[in-house]
Amino acid sequence: LMVLMREEILSAVDHKHLNRDVPWLAGVIPTAENVAVAFWRRLEPCARGFEGCRLHRVRVCESRDNFADYLGPAT
């Protein structure tokens, strides 16, 4: 899954202006909470492609003490 993270997320957002440079974040206010949801939406379909694999959580850390967790949509 680290390869997915690198390909689907890090390569798209690293050293980028999230509102201008990342098309799939256009219109998203880039709070940690909103970015975690956007990352989930990007990663979860890819994770389903691996047999027996399920995305459990996305955590976006702004600092050591400030982070947001997203556990997927409520079912």
PDB file of N, CA and C in Angstrom:
ATOM      1  N   LEU A   1       0.809  -1.209   0.000  1.00  0.00           N
ATOM      2  CA  LEU A   1       0.000   0.000   0.000  1.00  0.00           C
ATOM      3  C   LEU A   1       0.846   1.265   0.000  1.00  0.00           C
ATOM      4  N   MET A   2       2.085   1.162   0.436  1.00  0.00           N
ATOM      5  CA  MET A   2       2.943   2.350   0.399  1.00  0.00           C
ATOM      6  C   MET A   2       3.170   2.824  -1.035  1.00  0.00           C
ATOM      7  N   VAL A   3       3.205   1.900  -1.970  1.00  0.00           N
ATOM      8  CA  VAL A   3       3.354   2.286  -3.373  1.00  0.00           C
ATOM      9  C   VAL A   3       2.127   3.080  -3.812  1.00  0.00           C
ATOM     10  N   LEU A   4       0.939   2.626  -3.413  1.00  0.00           N
ATOM     11  CA  LEU A   4      -0.281   3.366  -3.730  1.00  0.00           C
ATOM     12  C   LEU A   4      -0.240   4.761  -3.129  1.00  0.00           C
ATOM     13  N   MET A   5       0.174   4.838  -1.888  1.00  0.00           N
ATOM     14  CA  MET A   5       0.251   6.125  -1.217  1.00  0.00           C
ATOM     15  C   MET A   5       1.198   7.063  -1.962  1.00  0.00           C
ATOM     16  N   ARG A   6       2.323   6.543  -2.349  1.00  0.00           N
ATOM     17  CA  ARG A   6       3.310   7.360  -3.070  1.00  0.00           C
ATOM     18  C   ARG A   6       2.771   7.786  -4.439  1.00  0.00           C
ATOM     19  N   GLU A   7       2.166   6.851  -5.177  1.00  0.00           N
ATOM     20  CA  GLU A   7       1.694   7.140  -6.530  1.00  0.00           C
ATOM     21  C   GLU A   7       0.429   7.994  -6.553  1.00  0.00           C
ATOM     22  N   GLU A   8      -0.530   7.667  -5.685  1.00  0.00           N
ATOM     23  CA  GLU A   8      -1.831   8.324  -5.728  1.00  0.00           C
ATOM     24  C   GLU A   8      -1.907   9.612  -4.922  1.00  0.00           C
ATOM     25  N   ILE A   9      -1.099   9.741  -3.886  1.00  0.00           N
ATOM     26  CA  ILE A   9      -1.207  10.894  -2.998  1.00  0.00           C
ATOM     27  C   ILE A   9       0.063  11.749  -3.031  1.00  0.00           C
ATOM     28  N   LEU A  10       1.162  11.185  -2.576  1.00  0.00           N
ATOM     29  CA  LEU A  10       2.370  11.997  -2.399  1.00  0.00           C
ATOM     30  C   LEU A  10       2.850  12.646  -3.692  1.00  0.00           C
ATOM     31  N   SER A  11       2.844  11.912  -4.774  1.00  0.00           N
ATOM     32  CA  SER A  11       3.315  12.495  -6.032  1.00  0.00           C
ATOM     33  C   SER A  11       2.417  13.635  -6.489  1.00  0.00           C
ATOM     34  N   ALA A  12       1.156  13.615  -6.085  1.00  0.00           N
ATOM     35  CA  ALA A  12       0.213  14.647  -6.498  1.00  0.00           C
ATOM     36  C   ALA A  12       0.247  15.890  -5.611  1.00  0.00           C
ATOM     37  N   VAL A  13       0.557  15.727  -4.319  1.00  0.00           N
ATOM     38  CA  VAL A  13       0.422  16.856  -3.389  1.00  0.00           C
ATOM     39  C   VAL A  13       1.731  17.404  -2.837  1.00  0.00           C
ATOM     40  N   ASP A  14       2.816  16.648  -2.929  1.00  0.00           N
ATOM     41  CA  ASP A  14       4.081  17.080  -2.336  1.00  0.00           C
ATOM     42  C   ASP A  14       4.584  18.367  -3.000  1.00  0.00           C
ATOM     43  N   HIS A  15       4.814  19.387  -2.190  1.00  0.00           N
ATOM     44  CA  HIS A  15       5.308  20.686  -2.648  1.00  0.00           C
ATOM     45  C   HIS A  15       4.378  21.330  -3.667  1.00  0.00           C
ATOM     46  N   LYS A  16       3.091  21.123  -3.506  1.00  0.00           N
ATOM     47  CA  LYS A  16       2.098  21.685  -4.418  1.00  0.00           C
ATOM     48  C   LYS A  16       1.155  22.606  -3.651  1.00  0.00           C
ATOM     49  N   HIS A  17       0.578  23.561  -4.363  1.00  0.00           N
ATOM     50  CA  HIS A  17      -0.504  24.374  -3.823  1.00  0.00           C
ATOM     51  C   HIS A  17      -1.767  23.536  -4.011  1.00  0.00           C
ATOM     52  N   LEU A  18      -2.348  23.092  -2.926  1.00  0.00           N
ATOM     53  CA  LEU A  18      -3.444  22.114  -3.003  1.00  0.00           C
ATOM     54  C   LEU A  18      -4.642  22.633  -3.780  1.00  0.00           C
ATOM     55  N   ASN A  19      -4.954  23.903  -3.692  1.00  0.00           N
ATOM     56  CA  ASN A  19      -6.116  24.432  -4.398  1.00  0.00           C
ATOM     57  C   ASN A  19      -5.869  24.645  -5.884  1.00  0.00           C
ATOM     58  N   ARG A  20      -4.651  25.008  -6.254  1.00  0.00           N
ATOM     59  CA  ARG A  20      -4.376  25.327  -7.658  1.00  0.00           C
ATOM     60  C   ARG A  20      -3.743  24.194  -8.445  1.00  0.00           C
ATOM     61  N   ASP A  21      -2.929  23.377  -7.790  1.00  0.00           N
ATOM     62  CA  ASP A  21      -2.096  22.418  -8.515  1.00  0.00           C
ATOM     63  C   ASP A  21      -2.611  20.978  -8.494  1.00  0.00           C
ATOM     64  N   VAL A  22      -3.620  20.692  -7.687  1.00  0.00           N
ATOM     65  CA  VAL A  22      -4.115  19.319  -7.548  1.00  0.00           C
ATOM     66  C   VAL A  22      -5.574  19.291  -8.003  1.00  0.00           C
ATOM     67  N   PRO A  23      -5.836  18.835  -9.234  1.00  0.00           N
ATOM     68  CA  PRO A  23      -7.197  18.899  -9.776  1.00  0.00           C
ATOM     69  C   PRO A  23      -8.252  18.222  -8.903  1.00  0.00           C
ATOM     70  N   TRP A  24      -7.919  17.090  -8.288  1.00  0.00           N
ATOM     71  CA  TRP A  24      -8.918  16.388  -7.491  1.00  0.00           C
ATOM     72  C   TRP A  24      -9.129  17.010  -6.110  1.00  0.00           C
ATOM     73  N   LEU A  25      -8.421  18.094  -5.805  1.00  0.00           N
ATOM     74  CA  LEU A  25      -8.680  18.860  -4.578  1.00  0.00           C
ATOM     75  C   LEU A  25      -9.274  20.235  -4.893  1.00  0.00           C
ATOM     76  N   ALA A  26      -9.555  20.496  -6.162  1.00  0.00           N
ATOM     77  CA  ALA A  26     -10.151  21.774  -6.550  1.00  0.00           C
ATOM     78  C   ALA A  26     -11.476  21.953  -5.823  1.00  0.00           C
ATOM     79  N   GLY A  27     -11.662  23.097  -5.224  1.00  0.00           N
ATOM     80  CA  GLY A  27     -12.899  23.399  -4.522  1.00  0.00           C
ATOM     81  C   GLY A  27     -12.983  22.849  -3.111  1.00  0.00           C
ATOM     82  N   VAL A  28     -11.955  22.123  -2.671  1.00  0.00           N
ATOM     83  CA  VAL A  28     -11.926  21.565  -1.315  1.00  0.00           C
ATOM     84  C   VAL A  28     -11.151  22.524  -0.416  1.00  0.00           C
ATOM     85  N   ILE A  29     -11.771  22.964   0.672  1.00  0.00           N
ATOM     86  CA  ILE A  29     -11.046  23.775   1.642  1.00  0.00           C
ATOM     87  C   ILE A  29     -10.046  22.836   2.318  1.00  0.00           C
ATOM     88  N   PRO A  30      -8.733  23.116   2.204  1.00  0.00           N
ATOM     89  CA  PRO A  30      -7.728  22.124   2.606  1.00  0.00           C
ATOM     90  C   PRO A  30      -7.459  22.051   4.112  1.00  0.00           C
ATOM     91  N   THR A  31      -8.498  21.778   4.882  1.00  0.00           N
ATOM     92  CA  THR A  31      -8.291  21.454   6.291  1.00  0.00           C
ATOM     93  C   THR A  31      -7.814  20.014   6.371  1.00  0.00           C
ATOM     94  N   ALA A  32      -7.222  19.644   7.476  1.00  0.00           N
ATOM     95  CA  ALA A  32      -6.776  18.259   7.640  1.00  0.00           C
ATOM     96  C   ALA A  32      -7.946  17.296   7.482  1.00  0.00           C
ATOM     97  N   GLU A  33      -9.099  17.666   8.002  1.00  0.00           N
ATOM     98  CA  GLU A  33     -10.282  16.793   7.918  1.00  0.00           C
ATOM     99  C   GLU A  33     -10.721  16.595   6.469  1.00  0.00           C
ATOM    100  N   ASN A  34     -10.804  17.677   5.717  1.00  0.00           N
ATOM    101  CA  ASN A  34     -11.237  17.568   4.320  1.00  0.00           C
ATOM    102  C   ASN A  34     -10.214  16.848   3.461  1.00  0.00           C
ATOM    103  N   VAL A  35      -8.952  17.094   3.713  1.00  0.00           N
ATOM    104  CA  VAL A  35      -7.901  16.423   2.955  1.00  0.00           C
ATOM    105  C   VAL A  35      -7.899  14.924   3.261  1.00  0.00           C
ATOM    106  N   ALA A  36      -8.135  14.536   4.502  1.00  0.00           N
ATOM    107  CA  ALA A  36      -8.209  13.115   4.859  1.00  0.00           C
ATOM    108  C   ALA A  36      -9.325  12.425   4.091  1.00  0.00           C
ATOM    109  N   VAL A  37     -10.484  13.078   3.982  1.00  0.00           N
ATOM    110  CA  VAL A  37     -11.606  12.502   3.218  1.00  0.00           C
ATOM    111  C   VAL A  37     -11.227  12.374   1.748  1.00  0.00           C
ATOM    112  N   ALA A  38     -10.606  13.398   1.182  1.00  0.00           N
ATOM    113  CA  ALA A  38     -10.196  13.352  -0.227  1.00  0.00           C
ATOM    114  C   ALA A  38      -9.168  12.249  -0.469  1.00  0.00           C
ATOM    115  N   PHE A  39      -8.231  12.095   0.462  1.00  0.00           N
ATOM    116  CA  PHE A  39      -7.242  11.019   0.329  1.00  0.00           C
ATOM    117  C   PHE A  39      -7.929   9.661   0.375  1.00  0.00           C
ATOM    118  N   TRP A  40      -8.882   9.495   1.277  1.00  0.00           N
ATOM    119  CA  TRP A  40      -9.641   8.236   1.369  1.00  0.00           C
ATOM    120  C   TRP A  40     -10.301   7.929   0.023  1.00  0.00           C
ATOM    121  N   ARG A  41     -10.972   8.910  -0.537  1.00  0.00           N
ATOM    122  CA  ARG A  41     -11.682   8.699  -1.806  1.00  0.00           C
ATOM    123  C   ARG A  41     -10.726   8.310  -2.921  1.00  0.00           C
ATOM    124  N   ARG A  42      -9.513   8.769  -2.833  1.00  0.00           N
ATOM    125  CA  ARG A  42      -8.501   8.446  -3.845  1.00  0.00           C
ATOM    126  C   ARG A  42      -7.898   7.055  -3.614  1.00  0.00           C
ATOM    127  N   LEU A  43      -7.684   6.679  -2.365  1.00  0.00           N
ATOM    128  CA  LEU A  43      -7.006   5.421  -2.040  1.00  0.00           C
ATOM    129  C   LEU A  43      -7.930   4.212  -1.947  1.00  0.00           C
ATOM    130  N   GLU A  44      -9.124   4.399  -1.433  1.00  0.00           N
ATOM    131  CA  GLU A  44      -9.998   3.260  -1.138  1.00  0.00           C
ATOM    132  C   GLU A  44     -10.312   2.398  -2.358  1.00  0.00           C
ATOM    133  N   PRO A  45     -10.655   2.970  -3.512  1.00  0.00           N
ATOM    134  CA  PRO A  45     -10.901   2.107  -4.685  1.00  0.00           C
ATOM    135  C   PRO A  45      -9.658   1.311  -5.096  1.00  0.00           C
ATOM    136  N   CYS A  46      -8.485   1.904  -4.945  1.00  0.00           N
ATOM    137  CA  CYS A  46      -7.237   1.199  -5.275  1.00  0.00           C
ATOM    138  C   CYS A  46      -7.001   0.052  -4.303  1.00  0.00           C
ATOM    139  N   ALA A  47      -7.247   0.282  -3.022  1.00  0.00           N
ATOM    140  CA  ALA A  47      -7.028  -0.753  -2.002  1.00  0.00           C
ATOM    141  C   ALA A  47      -7.936  -1.948  -2.241  1.00  0.00           C
ATOM    142  N   ARG A  48      -9.170  -1.693  -2.695  1.00  0.00           N
ATOM    143  CA  ARG A  48     -10.104  -2.801  -2.974  1.00  0.00           C
ATOM    144  C   ARG A  48      -9.577  -3.731  -4.057  1.00  0.00           C
ATOM    145  N   GLY A  49      -8.651  -3.226  -4.882  1.00  0.00           N
ATOM    146  CA  GLY A  49      -8.085  -4.042  -5.951  1.00  0.00           C
ATOM    147  C   GLY A  49      -7.148  -5.133  -5.464  1.00  0.00           C
ATOM    148  N   PHE A  50      -6.761  -5.084  -4.197  1.00  0.00           N
ATOM    149  CA  PHE A  50      -5.904  -6.108  -3.618  1.00  0.00           C
ATOM    150  C   PHE A  50      -6.749  -7.080  -2.816  1.00  0.00           C
ATOM    151  N   GLU A  51      -6.661  -8.350  -3.141  1.00  0.00           N
ATOM    152  CA  GLU A  51      -7.462  -9.365  -2.459  1.00  0.00           C
ATOM    153  C   GLU A  51      -7.203  -9.335  -0.958  1.00  0.00           C
ATOM    154  N   GLY A  52      -8.267  -9.292  -0.192  1.00  0.00           N
ATOM    155  CA  GLY A  52      -8.177  -9.310   1.260  1.00  0.00           C
ATOM    156  C   GLY A  52      -7.733  -7.993   1.877  1.00  0.00           C
ATOM    157  N   CYS A  53      -7.639  -6.961   1.073  1.00  0.00           N
ATOM    158  CA  CYS A  53      -7.165  -5.671   1.568  1.00  0.00           C
ATOM    159  C   CYS A  53      -8.345  -4.721   1.740  1.00  0.00           C
ATOM    160  N   ARG A  54      -8.308  -3.978   2.850  1.00  0.00           N
ATOM    161  CA  ARG A  54      -9.345  -2.999   3.121  1.00  0.00           C
ATOM    162  C   ARG A  54      -8.685  -1.797   3.774  1.00  0.00           C
ATOM    163  N   LEU A  55      -9.024  -0.621   3.307  1.00  0.00           N
ATOM    164  CA  LEU A  55      -8.498   0.592   3.911  1.00  0.00           C
ATOM    165  C   LEU A  55      -9.216   0.813   5.235  1.00  0.00           C
ATOM    166  N   HIS A  56      -8.455   0.977   6.293  1.00  0.00           N
ATOM    167  CA  HIS A  56      -9.032   1.124   7.623  1.00  0.00           C
ATOM    168  C   HIS A  56      -9.132   2.589   8.043  1.00  0.00           C
ATOM    169  N   ARG A  57      -8.057   3.355   7.799  1.00  0.00           N
ATOM    170  CA  ARG A  57      -8.022   4.722   8.276  1.00  0.00           C
ATOM    171  C   ARG A  57      -7.063   5.545   7.429  1.00  0.00           C
ATOM    172  N   VAL A  58      -7.408   6.811   7.273  1.00  0.00           N
ATOM    173  CA  VAL A  58      -6.486   7.793   6.709  1.00  0.00           C
ATOM    174  C   VAL A  58      -6.244   8.822   7.803  1.00  0.00           C
ATOM    175  N   ARG A  59      -4.983   9.079   8.100  1.00  0.00           N
ATOM    176  CA  ARG A  59      -4.619  10.094   9.089  1.00  0.00           C
ATOM    177  C   ARG A  59      -3.772  11.156   8.394  1.00  0.00           C
ATOM    178  N   VAL A  60      -4.193  12.399   8.531  1.00  0.00           N
ATOM    179  CA  VAL A  60      -3.436  13.536   8.016  1.00  0.00           C
ATOM    180  C   VAL A  60      -2.933  14.310   9.222  1.00  0.00           C
ATOM    181  N   CYS A  61      -1.612  14.437   9.320  1.00  0.00           N
ATOM    182  CA  CYS A  61      -0.981  15.136  10.443  1.00  0.00           C
ATOM    183  C   CYS A  61      -0.536  16.519   9.996  1.00  0.00           C
ATOM    184  N   GLU A  62      -0.977  17.514  10.740  1.00  0.00           N
ATOM    185  CA  GLU A  62      -0.508  18.877  10.506  1.00  0.00           C
ATOM    186  C   GLU A  62       0.712  19.172  11.374  1.00  0.00           C
ATOM    187  N   SER A  63       0.743  18.576  12.537  1.00  0.00           N
ATOM    188  CA  SER A  63       1.872  18.688  13.455  1.00  0.00           C
ATOM    189  C   SER A  63       1.833  17.453  14.355  1.00  0.00           C
ATOM    190  N   ARG A  64       2.759  17.364  15.280  1.00  0.00           N
ATOM    191  CA  ARG A  64       2.791  16.210  16.179  1.00  0.00           C
ATOM    192  C   ARG A  64       1.497  16.093  16.996  1.00  0.00           C
ATOM    193  N   ASP A  65       0.912  17.235  17.331  1.00  0.00           N
ATOM    194  CA  ASP A  65      -0.263  17.235  18.199  1.00  0.00           C
ATOM    195  C   ASP A  65      -1.582  17.512  17.482  1.00  0.00           C
ATOM    196  N   ASN A  66      -1.533  17.796  16.198  1.00  0.00           N
ATOM    197  CA  ASN A  66      -2.752  18.138  15.471  1.00  0.00           C
ATOM    198  C   ASN A  66      -2.888  17.243  14.242  1.00  0.00           C
ATOM    199  N   PHE A  67      -3.928  16.417  14.234  1.00  0.00           N
ATOM    200  CA  PHE A  67      -4.151  15.510  13.119  1.00  0.00           C
ATOM    201  C   PHE A  67      -5.637  15.241  12.972  1.00  0.00           C
ATOM    202  N   ALA A  68      -5.995  14.672  11.825  1.00  0.00           N
ATOM    203  CA  ALA A  68      -7.376  14.283  11.562  1.00  0.00           C
ATOM    204  C   ALA A  68      -7.388  12.848  11.060  1.00  0.00           C
ATOM    205  N   ASP A  69      -8.285  12.051  11.586  1.00  0.00           N
ATOM    206  CA  ASP A  69      -8.484  10.673  11.134  1.00  0.00           C
ATOM    207  C   ASP A  69      -9.794  10.578  10.394  1.00  0.00           C
ATOM    208  N   TYR A  70      -9.805   9.795   9.325  1.00  0.00           N
ATOM    209  CA  TYR A  70     -11.049   9.495   8.615  1.00  0.00           C
ATOM    210  C   TYR A  70     -11.131   7.984   8.476  1.00  0.00           C
ATOM    211  N   LEU A  71     -12.258   7.427   8.910  1.00  0.00           N
ATOM    212  CA  LEU A  71     -12.450   5.977   8.918  1.00  0.00           C
ATOM    213  C   LEU A  71     -13.409   5.507   7.842  1.00  0.00           C
ATOM    214  N   GLY A  72     -13.711   6.362   6.894  1.00  0.00           N
ATOM    215  CA  GLY A  72     -14.610   6.003   5.803  1.00  0.00           C
ATOM    216  C   GLY A  72     -16.009   6.498   6.074  1.00  0.00           C
ATOM    217  N   PRO A  73     -16.847   6.411   5.052  1.00  0.00           N
ATOM    218  CA  PRO A  73     -18.220   6.901   5.204  1.00  0.00           C
ATOM    219  C   PRO A  73     -19.008   6.044   6.192  1.00  0.00           C
ATOM    220  N   ALA A  74     -19.909   6.684   6.880  1.00  0.00           N
ATOM    221  CA  ALA A  74     -20.778   5.948   7.805  1.00  0.00           C
ATOM    222  C   ALA A  74     -21.687   5.040   6.984  1.00  0.00           C
ATOM    223  N   THR A  75     -21.865   3.836   7.463  1.00  0.00           N
ATOM    224  CA  THR A  75     -22.724   2.889   6.731  1.00  0.00           C
ATOM    225  C   THR A  75     -23.996   2.625   7.476  1.00  0.00           C
TER     226      THR A  75
END
